[in-house]
Amino acid sequence: MVEASGILGVAVVALGMVLTPGPNMIYLVSRSITQGRRAGLTSLGGVALGFLVYLCAANLGLSVVFTAVPELYLTVKLAGAGYLAYLAWKALKPGGISVFAPREVPPDSPRRLFTMGLTTSLLNPKIAIMYVSLIPQFIDLHRGHVLLQGLVLGSVQVVISVTVNFVIVLAAGTIAVFLARRPSWLKTQRYLMGTVLGALALSLAADTSGPA
């Protein structure tokens, strides 16, 4: 039904995107460090549900809507670029905080943790662009069953993203302690994160391609 090359292509893109620090990673790491792994895993449940919402919405016609209304697609893309630029500025500005730097946040209930994870995922511009622009490029119309192909390819992204984020949640505390004992490493990680986010923002804003 779906070519192996298509699955591999989506896997590579999904892996590259999930390893790039973004809203989901920042939220999951902060919760895992300040409130424990259980809170991080509860938040991850909300993030995963957000992936599934995008998966279903995209395959039920969201990309068609963006194609019919190019202005809407451009608006979403520019808004995403702006959001990434804002995150980059927060990381690079004097006194900026690393994603792995411990910080005090008030503890939340499991229900709120799940809800905030879901909200963060739904507002993540990387995920929106992933589903409405990148995944459709790996669908082969000649093989038919376009909806099923989209669901299979989207599921590959969900599995990879949830797995990587699961590992990050479990290791966040250890990474934070390691970096806290090495201030120069913490600063380097913050600048690296800001640079990557800034580059993504510029790339997204400069991309003139339309929806797939």
C-alpha atoms as a PDB file:
ATOM      1  CA  MET A   1       0.000   0.000   0.000  1.00  0.00           C
ATOM      2  CA  VAL A   2       2.729   2.460   1.028  1.00  0.00           C
ATOM      3  CA  GLU A   3       6.202   2.309  -0.471  1.00  0.00           C
ATOM      4  CA  ALA A   4       9.119   1.702   1.871  1.00  0.00           C
ATOM      5  CA  SER A   5      10.789   4.827   0.499  1.00  0.00           C
ATOM      6  CA  GLY A   6       7.788   6.891   1.611  1.00  0.00           C
ATOM      7  CA  ILE A   7       7.899   5.468   5.130  1.00  0.00           C
ATOM      8  CA  LEU A   8      11.659   6.065   5.298  1.00  0.00           C
ATOM      9  CA  GLY A   9      11.251   9.619   4.049  1.00  0.00           C
ATOM     10  CA  VAL A  10       8.646  10.474   6.668  1.00  0.00           C
ATOM     11  CA  ALA A  11      10.751   8.770   9.359  1.00  0.00           C
ATOM     12  CA  VAL A  12      13.813  10.869   8.530  1.00  0.00           C
ATOM     13  CA  VAL A  13      11.834  14.122   8.465  1.00  0.00           C
ATOM     14  CA  ALA A  14      10.010  13.266  11.698  1.00  0.00           C
ATOM     15  CA  LEU A  15      13.245  12.361  13.470  1.00  0.00           C
ATOM     16  CA  GLY A  16      14.940  15.571  12.357  1.00  0.00           C
ATOM     17  CA  MET A  17      12.007  17.691  13.529  1.00  0.00           C
ATOM     18  CA  VAL A  18      11.513  16.029  16.916  1.00  0.00           C
ATOM     19  CA  LEU A  19      15.230  16.374  17.726  1.00  0.00           C
ATOM     20  CA  THR A  20      15.041  20.111  17.042  1.00  0.00           C
ATOM     21  CA  PRO A  21      14.188  21.943  20.292  1.00  0.00           C
ATOM     22  CA  GLY A  22      10.684  23.351  20.053  1.00  0.00           C
ATOM     23  CA  PRO A  23       7.561  24.062  22.137  1.00  0.00           C
ATOM     24  CA  ASN A  24       6.819  20.395  22.855  1.00  0.00           C
ATOM     25  CA  MET A  25      10.341  19.639  24.030  1.00  0.00           C
ATOM     26  CA  ILE A  26      10.549  22.790  26.145  1.00  0.00           C
ATOM     27  CA  TYR A  27       7.257  22.007  27.875  1.00  0.00           C
ATOM     28  CA  LEU A  28       7.985  18.325  28.452  1.00  0.00           C
ATOM     29  CA  VAL A  29      11.479  18.958  29.781  1.00  0.00           C
ATOM     30  CA  SER A  30      10.361  21.733  32.141  1.00  0.00           C
ATOM     31  CA  ARG A  31       7.586  19.565  33.577  1.00  0.00           C
ATOM     32  CA  SER A  32       9.809  16.514  33.919  1.00  0.00           C
ATOM     33  CA  ILE A  33      12.497  18.453  35.771  1.00  0.00           C
ATOM     34  CA  THR A  34      10.251  20.441  38.101  1.00  0.00           C
ATOM     35  CA  GLN A  35       7.425  17.978  38.766  1.00  0.00           C
ATOM     36  CA  GLY A  36       8.910  14.565  38.031  1.00  0.00           C
ATOM     37  CA  ARG A  37       8.782  11.945  35.310  1.00  0.00           C
ATOM     38  CA  ARG A  38       5.152  11.060  35.969  1.00  0.00           C
ATOM     39  CA  ALA A  39       4.140  14.664  35.235  1.00  0.00           C
ATOM     40  CA  GLY A  40       6.283  14.601  32.101  1.00  0.00           C
ATOM     41  CA  LEU A  41       4.668  11.388  30.892  1.00  0.00           C
ATOM     42  CA  THR A  42       1.165  12.759  31.616  1.00  0.00           C
ATOM     43  CA  SER A  43       2.029  15.849  29.582  1.00  0.00           C
ATOM     44  CA  LEU A  44       3.372  13.602  26.829  1.00  0.00           C
ATOM     45  CA  GLY A  45      -0.049  11.912  26.674  1.00  0.00           C
ATOM     46  CA  GLY A  46      -1.580  15.286  25.799  1.00  0.00           C
ATOM     47  CA  VAL A  47       1.111  15.957  23.215  1.00  0.00           C
ATOM     48  CA  ALA A  48       0.467  12.563  21.605  1.00  0.00           C
ATOM     49  CA  LEU A  49      -3.275  13.294  21.414  1.00  0.00           C
ATOM     50  CA  GLY A  50      -2.428  16.537  19.643  1.00  0.00           C
ATOM     51  CA  PHE A  51      -0.487  14.528  17.046  1.00  0.00           C
ATOM     52  CA  LEU A  52      -3.519  12.314  16.476  1.00  0.00           C
ATOM     53  CA  VAL A  53      -5.807  15.343  16.086  1.00  0.00           C
ATOM     54  CA  TYR A  54      -3.554  16.739  13.353  1.00  0.00           C
ATOM     55  CA  LEU A  55      -3.249  13.300  11.771  1.00  0.00           C
ATOM     56  CA  CYS A  56      -7.024  12.913  11.448  1.00  0.00           C
ATOM     57  CA  ALA A  57      -7.676  16.537  10.459  1.00  0.00           C
ATOM     58  CA  ALA A  58      -5.022  16.561   7.747  1.00  0.00           C
ATOM     59  CA  ASN A  59      -6.198  13.318   6.213  1.00  0.00           C
ATOM     60  CA  LEU A  60      -9.822  14.397   6.290  1.00  0.00           C
ATOM     61  CA  GLY A  61      -9.143  17.439   4.157  1.00  0.00           C
ATOM     62  CA  LEU A  62      -7.133  20.105   5.983  1.00  0.00           C
ATOM     63  CA  SER A  63      -4.515  20.166   3.246  1.00  0.00           C
ATOM     64  CA  VAL A  64      -7.315  20.549   0.686  1.00  0.00           C
ATOM     65  CA  VAL A  65      -8.542  23.632   2.523  1.00  0.00           C
ATOM     66  CA  PHE A  66      -5.059  25.151   2.527  1.00  0.00           C
ATOM     67  CA  THR A  67      -4.733  24.460  -1.186  1.00  0.00           C
ATOM     68  CA  ALA A  68      -8.071  26.142  -1.884  1.00  0.00           C
ATOM     69  CA  VAL A  69      -7.196  29.142   0.288  1.00  0.00           C
ATOM     70  CA  PRO A  70      -3.452  29.840  -0.211  1.00  0.00           C
ATOM     71  CA  GLU A  71      -3.658  32.938   1.979  1.00  0.00           C
ATOM     72  CA  LEU A  72      -4.597  30.781   4.965  1.00  0.00           C
ATOM     73  CA  TYR A  73      -1.603  28.517   4.380  1.00  0.00           C
ATOM     74  CA  LEU A  74       0.711  31.520   4.103  1.00  0.00           C
ATOM     75  CA  THR A  75      -0.734  32.996   7.286  1.00  0.00           C
ATOM     76  CA  VAL A  76      -0.143  29.787   9.237  1.00  0.00           C
ATOM     77  CA  LYS A  77       3.382  29.454   7.868  1.00  0.00           C
ATOM     78  CA  LEU A  78       4.352  33.040   8.686  1.00  0.00           C
ATOM     79  CA  ALA A  79       2.774  32.754  12.137  1.00  0.00           C
ATOM     80  CA  GLY A  80       4.823  29.628  12.734  1.00  0.00           C
ATOM     81  CA  ALA A  81       7.992  31.388  11.586  1.00  0.00           C
ATOM     82  CA  GLY A  82       7.246  34.266  13.926  1.00  0.00           C
ATOM     83  CA  TYR A  83       6.718  31.921  16.848  1.00  0.00           C
ATOM     84  CA  LEU A  84       9.981  30.100  16.194  1.00  0.00           C
ATOM     85  CA  ALA A  85      11.781  33.450  15.938  1.00  0.00           C
ATOM     86  CA  TYR A  86      10.335  34.438  19.312  1.00  0.00           C
ATOM     87  CA  LEU A  87      11.599  31.210  20.905  1.00  0.00           C
ATOM     88  CA  ALA A  88      15.020  31.800  19.332  1.00  0.00           C
ATOM     89  CA  TRP A  89      15.136  35.328  20.765  1.00  0.00           C
ATOM     90  CA  LYS A  90      14.246  34.050  24.238  1.00  0.00           C
ATOM     91  CA  ALA A  91      17.104  31.552  24.066  1.00  0.00           C
ATOM     92  CA  LEU A  92      19.711  33.968  22.666  1.00  0.00           C
ATOM     93  CA  LYS A  93      18.899  37.139  24.596  1.00  0.00           C
ATOM     94  CA  PRO A  94      21.161  38.059  27.541  1.00  0.00           C
ATOM     95  CA  GLY A  95      20.025  36.109  30.552  1.00  0.00           C
ATOM     96  CA  GLY A  96      18.173  33.583  28.397  1.00  0.00           C
ATOM     97  CA  ILE A  97      17.426  30.193  29.908  1.00  0.00           C
ATOM     98  CA  SER A  98      18.343  26.801  28.473  1.00  0.00           C
ATOM     99  CA  VAL A  99      15.575  24.301  27.855  1.00  0.00           C
ATOM    100  CA  PHE A 100      17.340  21.998  30.372  1.00  0.00           C
ATOM    101  CA  ALA A 101      17.916  24.668  33.023  1.00  0.00           C
ATOM    102  CA  PRO A 102      15.909  23.905  36.208  1.00  0.00           C
ATOM    103  CA  ARG A 103      13.212  26.476  36.915  1.00  0.00           C
ATOM    104  CA  GLU A 104      10.477  26.823  39.479  1.00  0.00           C
ATOM    105  CA  VAL A 105       6.925  26.404  38.174  1.00  0.00           C
ATOM    106  CA  PRO A 106       3.827  25.751  40.244  1.00  0.00           C
ATOM    107  CA  PRO A 107       2.786  22.065  40.254  1.00  0.00           C
ATOM    108  CA  ASP A 108      -0.275  21.236  38.191  1.00  0.00           C
ATOM    109  CA  SER A 109      -2.853  18.480  38.444  1.00  0.00           C
ATOM    110  CA  PRO A 110      -2.669  15.524  36.034  1.00  0.00           C
ATOM    111  CA  ARG A 111      -5.697  16.872  34.180  1.00  0.00           C
ATOM    112  CA  ARG A 112      -4.060  20.256  33.642  1.00  0.00           C
ATOM    113  CA  LEU A 113      -0.765  18.650  32.675  1.00  0.00           C
ATOM    114  CA  PHE A 114      -2.540  16.591  30.012  1.00  0.00           C
ATOM    115  CA  THR A 115      -4.508  19.607  28.776  1.00  0.00           C
ATOM    116  CA  MET A 116      -1.428  21.818  28.574  1.00  0.00           C
ATOM    117  CA  GLY A 117       0.436  19.084  26.703  1.00  0.00           C
ATOM    118  CA  LEU A 118      -2.429  18.874  24.228  1.00  0.00           C
ATOM    119  CA  THR A 119      -2.580  22.658  23.825  1.00  0.00           C
ATOM    120  CA  THR A 120       1.183  22.937  23.317  1.00  0.00           C
ATOM    121  CA  SER A 121       1.052  20.228  20.663  1.00  0.00           C
ATOM    122  CA  LEU A 122      -1.880  21.808  18.798  1.00  0.00           C
ATOM    123  CA  LEU A 123      -0.167  25.210  18.771  1.00  0.00           C
ATOM    124  CA  ASN A 124       3.171  23.806  17.641  1.00  0.00           C
ATOM    125  CA  PRO A 125       3.829  25.228  14.138  1.00  0.00           C
ATOM    126  CA  LYS A 126       6.298  22.432  13.315  1.00  0.00           C
ATOM    127  CA  ILE A 127       3.584  19.795  13.671  1.00  0.00           C
ATOM    128  CA  ALA A 128       1.073  21.808  11.656  1.00  0.00           C
ATOM    129  CA  ILE A 129       3.518  22.183   8.773  1.00  0.00           C
ATOM    130  CA  MET A 130       4.537  18.525   9.064  1.00  0.00           C
ATOM    131  CA  TYR A 131       1.008  17.263   8.479  1.00  0.00           C
ATOM    132  CA  VAL A 132      -0.288  19.727   5.919  1.00  0.00           C
ATOM    133  CA  SER A 133       2.854  20.205   3.847  1.00  0.00           C
ATOM    134  CA  LEU A 134       5.459  17.463   4.255  1.00  0.00           C
ATOM    135  CA  ILE A 135       3.659  14.148   4.720  1.00  0.00           C
ATOM    136  CA  PRO A 136       1.395  14.573   1.622  1.00  0.00           C
ATOM    137  CA  GLN A 137       4.553  14.648  -0.533  1.00  0.00           C
ATOM    138  CA  PHE A 138       5.155  10.963   0.265  1.00  0.00           C
ATOM    139  CA  ILE A 139       1.681   9.831  -0.820  1.00  0.00           C
ATOM    140  CA  ASP A 140       1.542   7.994  -4.156  1.00  0.00           C
ATOM    141  CA  LEU A 141      -1.765   8.770  -5.860  1.00  0.00           C
ATOM    142  CA  HIS A 142      -1.286   5.883  -8.292  1.00  0.00           C
ATOM    143  CA  ARG A 143      -1.471   3.375  -5.441  1.00  0.00           C
ATOM    144  CA  GLY A 144      -4.948   4.527  -4.427  1.00  0.00           C
ATOM    145  CA  HIS A 145      -6.369   4.546  -0.884  1.00  0.00           C
ATOM    146  CA  VAL A 146      -4.988   8.031  -0.298  1.00  0.00           C
ATOM    147  CA  LEU A 147      -6.648   8.314   3.112  1.00  0.00           C
ATOM    148  CA  LEU A 148      -5.116   5.042   4.295  1.00  0.00           C
ATOM    149  CA  GLN A 149      -1.691   6.040   2.976  1.00  0.00           C
ATOM    150  CA  GLY A 150      -1.892   9.315   4.846  1.00  0.00           C
ATOM    151  CA  LEU A 151      -2.880   7.579   8.065  1.00  0.00           C
ATOM    152  CA  VAL A 152      -0.024   5.086   7.786  1.00  0.00           C
ATOM    153  CA  LEU A 153       2.579   7.757   7.043  1.00  0.00           C
ATOM    154  CA  GLY A 154       1.234  10.001   9.788  1.00  0.00           C
ATOM    155  CA  SER A 155       1.364   7.102  12.222  1.00  0.00           C
ATOM    156  CA  VAL A 156       5.084   6.743  11.483  1.00  0.00           C
ATOM    157  CA  GLN A 157       5.572  10.348  12.593  1.00  0.00           C
ATOM    158  CA  VAL A 158       3.493   9.809  15.738  1.00  0.00           C
ATOM    159  CA  VAL A 159       5.438   6.700  16.781  1.00  0.00           C
ATOM    160  CA  ILE A 160       8.833   8.334  16.229  1.00  0.00           C
ATOM    161  CA  SER A 161       7.910  11.598  17.947  1.00  0.00           C
ATOM    162  CA  VAL A 162       6.311   9.934  20.967  1.00  0.00           C
ATOM    163  CA  THR A 163       9.235   7.507  21.353  1.00  0.00           C
ATOM    164  CA  VAL A 164      11.883  10.244  21.209  1.00  0.00           C
ATOM    165  CA  ASN A 165       9.925  12.492  23.569  1.00  0.00           C
ATOM    166  CA  PHE A 166       9.441   9.546  25.951  1.00  0.00           C
ATOM    167  CA  VAL A 167      13.208   9.103  26.155  1.00  0.00           C
ATOM    168  CA  ILE A 168      13.675  12.851  26.661  1.00  0.00           C
ATOM    169  CA  VAL A 169      11.165  12.865  29.531  1.00  0.00           C
ATOM    170  CA  LEU A 170      12.952   9.995  31.268  1.00  0.00           C
ATOM    171  CA  ALA A 171      16.405  11.540  30.778  1.00  0.00           C
ATOM    172  CA  ALA A 172      15.543  15.223  31.340  1.00  0.00           C
ATOM    173  CA  GLY A 173      16.529  15.244  35.003  1.00  0.00           C
ATOM    174  CA  THR A 174      19.853  13.519  34.360  1.00  0.00           C
ATOM    175  CA  ILE A 175      20.677  15.868  31.485  1.00  0.00           C
ATOM    176  CA  ALA A 176      19.740  18.897  33.583  1.00  0.00           C
ATOM    177  CA  VAL A 177      22.052  17.824  36.450  1.00  0.00           C
ATOM    178  CA  PHE A 178      24.877  17.102  34.005  1.00  0.00           C
ATOM    179  CA  LEU A 179      24.578  20.544  32.404  1.00  0.00           C
ATOM    180  CA  ALA A 180      24.108  22.353  35.723  1.00  0.00           C
ATOM    181  CA  ARG A 181      27.539  21.107  36.797  1.00  0.00           C
ATOM    182  CA  ARG A 182      29.000  22.432  33.552  1.00  0.00           C
ATOM    183  CA  PRO A 183      27.783  26.059  33.103  1.00  0.00           C
ATOM    184  CA  SER A 184      29.694  26.497  29.848  1.00  0.00           C
ATOM    185  CA  TRP A 185      27.921  23.472  28.353  1.00  0.00           C
ATOM    186  CA  LEU A 186      24.573  24.879  29.471  1.00  0.00           C
ATOM    187  CA  LYS A 187      25.340  28.185  27.757  1.00  0.00           C
ATOM    188  CA  THR A 188      26.487  26.404  24.603  1.00  0.00           C
ATOM    189  CA  GLN A 189      23.315  24.316  24.537  1.00  0.00           C
ATOM    190  CA  ARG A 190      21.188  27.471  24.884  1.00  0.00           C
ATOM    191  CA  TYR A 191      22.983  29.262  22.040  1.00  0.00           C
ATOM    192  CA  LEU A 192      22.811  26.162  19.864  1.00  0.00           C
ATOM    193  CA  MET A 193      19.074  25.843  20.485  1.00  0.00           C
ATOM    194  CA  GLY A 194      18.500  29.527  19.710  1.00  0.00           C
ATOM    195  CA  THR A 195      20.526  29.330  16.517  1.00  0.00           C
ATOM    196  CA  VAL A 196      18.646  26.253  15.289  1.00  0.00           C
ATOM    197  CA  LEU A 197      15.267  27.831  16.046  1.00  0.00           C
ATOM    198  CA  GLY A 198      16.304  31.056  14.335  1.00  0.00           C
ATOM    199  CA  ALA A 199      17.467  29.175  11.250  1.00  0.00           C
ATOM    200  CA  LEU A 200      14.166  27.295  11.135  1.00  0.00           C
ATOM    201  CA  ALA A 201      12.244  30.564  11.409  1.00  0.00           C
ATOM    202  CA  LEU A 202      14.180  32.119   8.524  1.00  0.00           C
ATOM    203  CA  SER A 203      13.834  28.990   6.402  1.00  0.00           C
ATOM    204  CA  LEU A 204      10.098  28.824   7.011  1.00  0.00           C
ATOM    205  CA  ALA A 205       9.568  32.522   6.306  1.00  0.00           C
ATOM    206  CA  ALA A 206      11.651  32.383   3.110  1.00  0.00           C
ATOM    207  CA  ASP A 207       9.908  29.290   1.751  1.00  0.00           C
ATOM    208  CA  THR A 208       7.607  30.383  -1.045  1.00  0.00           C
ATOM    209  CA  SER A 209       6.219  26.939  -1.887  1.00  0.00           C
ATOM    210  CA  GLY A 210       2.521  26.297  -1.573  1.00  0.00           C
ATOM    211  CA  PRO A 211       0.813  23.439   0.234  1.00  0.00           C
ATOM    212  CA  ALA A 212       1.434  19.981  -1.151  1.00  0.00           C
END
